[in-house]
Structure formats: structure tokens, C-alpha cells
Amino acid sequence: MYLTYKLLRSFIRSLASDAKPWQIGIGAFLGVLVGFLPVWPAAQGFGPAPLGCALLLVALLINCHLATFLLLMGVAKLATKALGGAAVAVGESFEGLARASADIPLLHASLWDHTGWLGLTLIGMVAAPLVAAGMWILASWFHRVWKPRLLERQRLLKAGQLVDRPWLLKSLCWFFGL
């Protein structure tokens, strides 16, 4: 329960941060994509997967929101555990791509010739733009609608003017990190 609370709070704080909505969207896109890709599948005895490591490096080098990236990468890694059977089914339906990937060194090293990893990667390629668009829209809406309201009420509270339910406002500002 505490972990769920911490995840929800870090998610909401990423929305309330000073990051631009496009930074949050790119962080969400890369986080979901890296979460579904194999980065270092040591359990199978493989070294680092170049595609996953390259996207991880891109996320660290560009100006994306790293908290959103890390949070959604962790959520996507947990989702890969739940989607194992569906990923194998998707990978088996793209068996021709898996065979072709065995002949291309970059894709073979990124484990696309294994139907399970290929299925997870394809699911991630579908989910990443959807999650990124949703995060961008949600962050834009929060910055446009709710953040100015909370900051104005917080300013009134600090100025000593009467605000209805000051305890609620203080707790909301604390929760959002304002």
C-alpha cells in the first residue's frame, strides 16, 4: 500500500513540476518503450541488449522528464511480467520478423529473434505513443487548469486572507509538491 502511495505521489508531482508537457510526454514515451525492451537480460545469459541500452542512453542525454521516465519504465517492467503469455502469442504471429531478425546482428543482439521479447517489444511500440500522448494531454491540462488555482489559493493563504478549508489546501499543496 505504501509503495502504491509513493508511486501515485511521484506521478502527481511529475505533473505539478515545472517541466513542460512535452518533456513529460517524451519521458513517458521512452520510459514505456525501455520498460518493454530487454535492457540487460542476464537471466538468459545474454549481455546488454543494444537497442534497450541505446534508448536508455537517449533518455539520459535528451531533455526529458527523468522522474516520469523512471516511473513508467518500472511500471512497464511490471507489466511485462503480466503480459508474458500475450507477448509470446504476439511474437508467434510475427514469426517471419523473428526469423529475419536472426540474420540482422543488431536485432539479434536485441533479442528480437525470441518470440517473447519480440512480442513485448511490439506491445511496447504500440503502448508507448498512447501513454505519451495521454501524459502530454494530462500534463497540459493540469498546468493550464489546476496548477494556477492551487497556487492562487496558496498565495491567499500565505497572505493571511480567508480561505475555506485551509487544512485541505495545505495538504493538497504538500501532496502536489507546490
Protein backbone atom coordinates (compact mmCIF):
# COMPACT_ATOMS: atom_id res chain seq x y z
CA MET A 1 0.00 0.00 0.00
CA TYR A 2 2.83 2.37 0.85
CA LEU A 3 4.51 1.66 -2.49
CA THR A 4 1.28 2.48 -4.31
CA TYR A 5 1.03 5.74 -2.40
CA LYS A 6 4.64 6.65 -3.25
CA LEU A 7 4.11 5.84 -6.94
CA LEU A 8 0.92 7.90 -7.09
CA ARG A 9 2.58 10.81 -5.34
CA SER A 10 5.63 10.77 -7.62
CA PHE A 11 3.31 10.58 -10.64
CA ILE A 12 1.32 13.60 -9.48
CA ARG A 13 4.48 15.51 -8.55
CA SER A 14 5.76 14.96 -12.08
CA LEU A 15 2.58 16.60 -13.37
CA ALA A 16 2.94 19.51 -10.93
CA SER A 17 6.63 20.04 -11.65
CA ASP A 18 8.00 22.89 -13.73
CA ALA A 19 8.70 20.54 -16.61
CA LYS A 20 6.97 21.30 -19.87
CA PRO A 21 4.27 18.87 -21.00
CA TRP A 22 6.34 17.78 -24.00
CA GLN A 23 9.20 16.81 -21.65
CA ILE A 24 6.80 14.70 -19.60
CA GLY A 25 5.41 13.16 -22.81
CA ILE A 26 8.86 12.24 -24.14
CA GLY A 27 9.83 10.84 -20.74
CA ALA A 28 6.67 8.73 -20.75
CA PHE A 29 7.31 7.52 -24.31
CA LEU A 30 10.88 6.49 -23.65
CA GLY A 31 10.05 5.03 -20.23
CA VAL A 32 7.34 2.75 -21.58
CA LEU A 33 9.45 1.76 -24.57
CA VAL A 34 12.53 0.94 -22.48
CA GLY A 35 10.31 -0.86 -19.97
CA PHE A 36 9.09 -3.27 -22.62
CA LEU A 37 12.51 -3.75 -24.25
CA PRO A 38 15.17 -6.04 -22.83
CA VAL A 39 17.97 -3.87 -21.46
CA TRP A 40 20.12 -6.42 -19.64
CA PRO A 41 18.50 -9.87 -19.77
CA ALA A 42 21.05 -11.57 -17.52
CA ALA A 43 18.66 -14.37 -16.62
CA GLN A 44 19.03 -15.80 -20.11
CA GLY A 45 22.81 -15.44 -20.01
CA PHE A 46 22.92 -12.59 -22.52
CA GLY A 47 24.87 -9.37 -22.31
CA PRO A 48 23.29 -5.95 -22.66
CA ALA A 49 20.74 -5.55 -25.45
CA PRO A 50 21.97 -2.70 -27.70
CA LEU A 51 18.54 -1.32 -28.61
CA GLY A 52 17.39 -1.07 -24.99
CA CYS A 53 20.71 0.40 -23.85
CA ALA A 54 20.69 2.93 -26.69
CA LEU A 55 17.21 4.16 -25.74
CA LEU A 56 18.26 4.33 -22.09
CA LEU A 57 21.23 6.47 -23.12
CA VAL A 58 18.99 8.69 -25.28
CA ALA A 59 16.67 9.25 -22.31
CA LEU A 60 19.61 10.29 -20.16
CA LEU A 61 21.03 12.64 -22.80
CA ILE A 62 17.95 14.49 -24.03
CA ASN A 63 15.89 16.93 -22.03
CA CYS A 64 13.07 14.62 -20.95
CA HIS A 65 11.50 14.39 -17.51
CA LEU A 66 13.58 11.68 -15.82
CA ALA A 67 11.16 11.01 -12.97
CA THR A 68 8.40 10.20 -15.45
CA PHE A 69 10.84 8.10 -17.46
CA LEU A 70 11.92 6.05 -14.44
CA LEU A 71 8.42 5.70 -13.02
CA LEU A 72 6.88 4.48 -16.27
CA MET A 73 9.87 2.28 -17.04
CA GLY A 74 9.27 0.49 -13.73
CA VAL A 75 5.54 0.21 -14.37
CA ALA A 76 6.21 -1.17 -17.86
CA LYS A 77 8.72 -3.68 -16.45
CA LEU A 78 6.00 -4.88 -14.07
CA ALA A 79 3.53 -5.03 -16.98
CA THR A 80 5.93 -7.28 -18.91
CA LYS A 81 5.57 -9.87 -16.16
CA ALA A 82 1.79 -9.82 -16.52
CA LEU A 83 1.81 -9.82 -20.34
CA GLY A 84 4.19 -12.75 -20.80
CA GLY A 85 1.63 -15.06 -22.42
CA ALA A 86 0.19 -12.37 -24.65
CA ALA A 87 3.69 -11.34 -25.71
CA VAL A 88 4.52 -14.88 -26.83
CA ALA A 89 1.26 -15.01 -28.81
CA VAL A 90 2.05 -11.68 -30.50
CA GLY A 91 5.63 -12.78 -31.15
CA GLU A 92 4.49 -16.04 -32.70
CA SER A 93 2.16 -14.20 -35.06
CA PHE A 94 5.20 -12.21 -36.25
CA GLU A 95 7.35 -15.31 -36.67
CA GLY A 96 8.65 -14.10 -40.06
CA LEU A 97 10.02 -10.96 -38.44
CA ALA A 98 11.66 -13.07 -35.74
CA ARG A 99 13.37 -15.20 -38.38
CA ALA A 100 14.51 -12.14 -40.31
CA SER A 101 15.81 -10.58 -37.08
CA ALA A 102 18.06 -13.59 -36.52
CA ASP A 103 20.06 -12.55 -39.61
CA ILE A 104 20.46 -8.88 -38.61
CA PRO A 105 23.14 -8.56 -35.89
CA LEU A 106 21.63 -5.53 -34.10
CA LEU A 107 18.17 -7.09 -33.89
CA HIS A 108 19.59 -10.50 -32.96
CA ALA A 109 21.58 -8.90 -30.11
CA SER A 110 18.39 -7.06 -29.04
CA LEU A 111 16.68 -10.49 -28.75
CA TRP A 112 14.10 -9.90 -31.47
CA ASP A 113 14.65 -13.45 -32.70
CA HIS A 114 12.99 -14.70 -29.47
CA THR A 115 9.24 -14.55 -29.90
CA GLY A 116 8.60 -13.49 -26.30
CA TRP A 117 10.92 -10.48 -26.43
CA LEU A 118 9.70 -9.58 -29.92
CA GLY A 119 6.10 -9.66 -28.70
CA LEU A 120 6.92 -7.47 -25.71
CA THR A 121 8.77 -5.02 -27.95
CA LEU A 122 5.83 -4.80 -30.35
CA ILE A 123 3.39 -4.31 -27.47
CA GLY A 124 5.68 -1.57 -26.14
CA MET A 125 5.82 0.11 -29.55
CA VAL A 126 2.04 0.30 -29.56
CA ALA A 127 1.66 1.32 -25.90
CA ALA A 128 4.44 3.94 -25.77
CA PRO A 129 2.86 6.55 -28.12
CA LEU A 130 -0.53 6.09 -26.47
CA VAL A 131 0.83 6.59 -22.96
CA ALA A 132 2.98 9.53 -24.12
CA ALA A 133 0.02 11.28 -25.73
CA GLY A 134 -2.08 10.70 -22.63
CA MET A 135 0.63 12.05 -20.32
CA TRP A 136 1.16 15.09 -22.55
CA ILE A 137 -2.57 15.88 -22.59
CA LEU A 138 -2.88 15.29 -18.83
CA ALA A 139 0.16 17.45 -18.04
CA SER A 140 -1.08 20.25 -20.33
CA TRP A 141 -4.49 20.17 -18.69
CA PHE A 142 -3.03 20.16 -15.19
CA HIS A 143 -0.68 23.08 -15.96
CA ARG A 144 -3.46 25.07 -17.62
CA VAL A 145 -6.34 24.42 -15.20
CA TRP A 146 -5.36 23.17 -11.73
CA LYS A 147 -1.89 24.50 -11.03
CA PRO A 148 -2.87 28.21 -11.28
CA ARG A 149 -5.85 27.60 -8.99
CA LEU A 150 -3.76 25.87 -6.34
CA LEU A 151 -1.01 28.49 -6.50
CA GLU A 152 -3.53 31.34 -6.19
CA ARG A 153 -5.20 29.78 -3.17
CA GLN A 154 -1.80 29.09 -1.63
CA ARG A 155 -0.86 32.76 -2.15
CA LEU A 156 -4.07 33.85 -0.45
CA LEU A 157 -3.39 31.54 2.48
CA LYS A 158 0.13 32.90 2.91
CA ALA A 159 -1.16 36.46 2.72
CA GLY A 160 -3.42 35.72 5.68
CA GLN A 161 -6.65 36.06 3.78
CA LEU A 162 -9.51 33.73 4.49
CA VAL A 163 -9.50 30.51 2.51
CA ASP A 164 -12.20 27.93 3.04
CA ARG A 165 -10.73 24.69 4.43
CA PRO A 166 -7.07 25.77 4.82
CA TRP A 167 -6.05 22.31 6.05
CA LEU A 168 -7.25 20.81 2.76
CA LEU A 169 -5.34 23.39 0.74
CA LYS A 170 -2.17 22.82 2.75
CA SER A 171 -2.41 19.07 2.30
CA LEU A 172 -3.08 19.41 -1.45
CA CYS A 173 -0.10 21.73 -1.90
CA TRP A 174 2.07 19.33 0.08
CA PHE A 175 0.87 16.36 -1.96
CA PHE A 176 1.45 18.13 -5.29
CA GLY A 177 4.81 19.47 -4.15
CA LEU A 178 3.84 23.14 -4.55
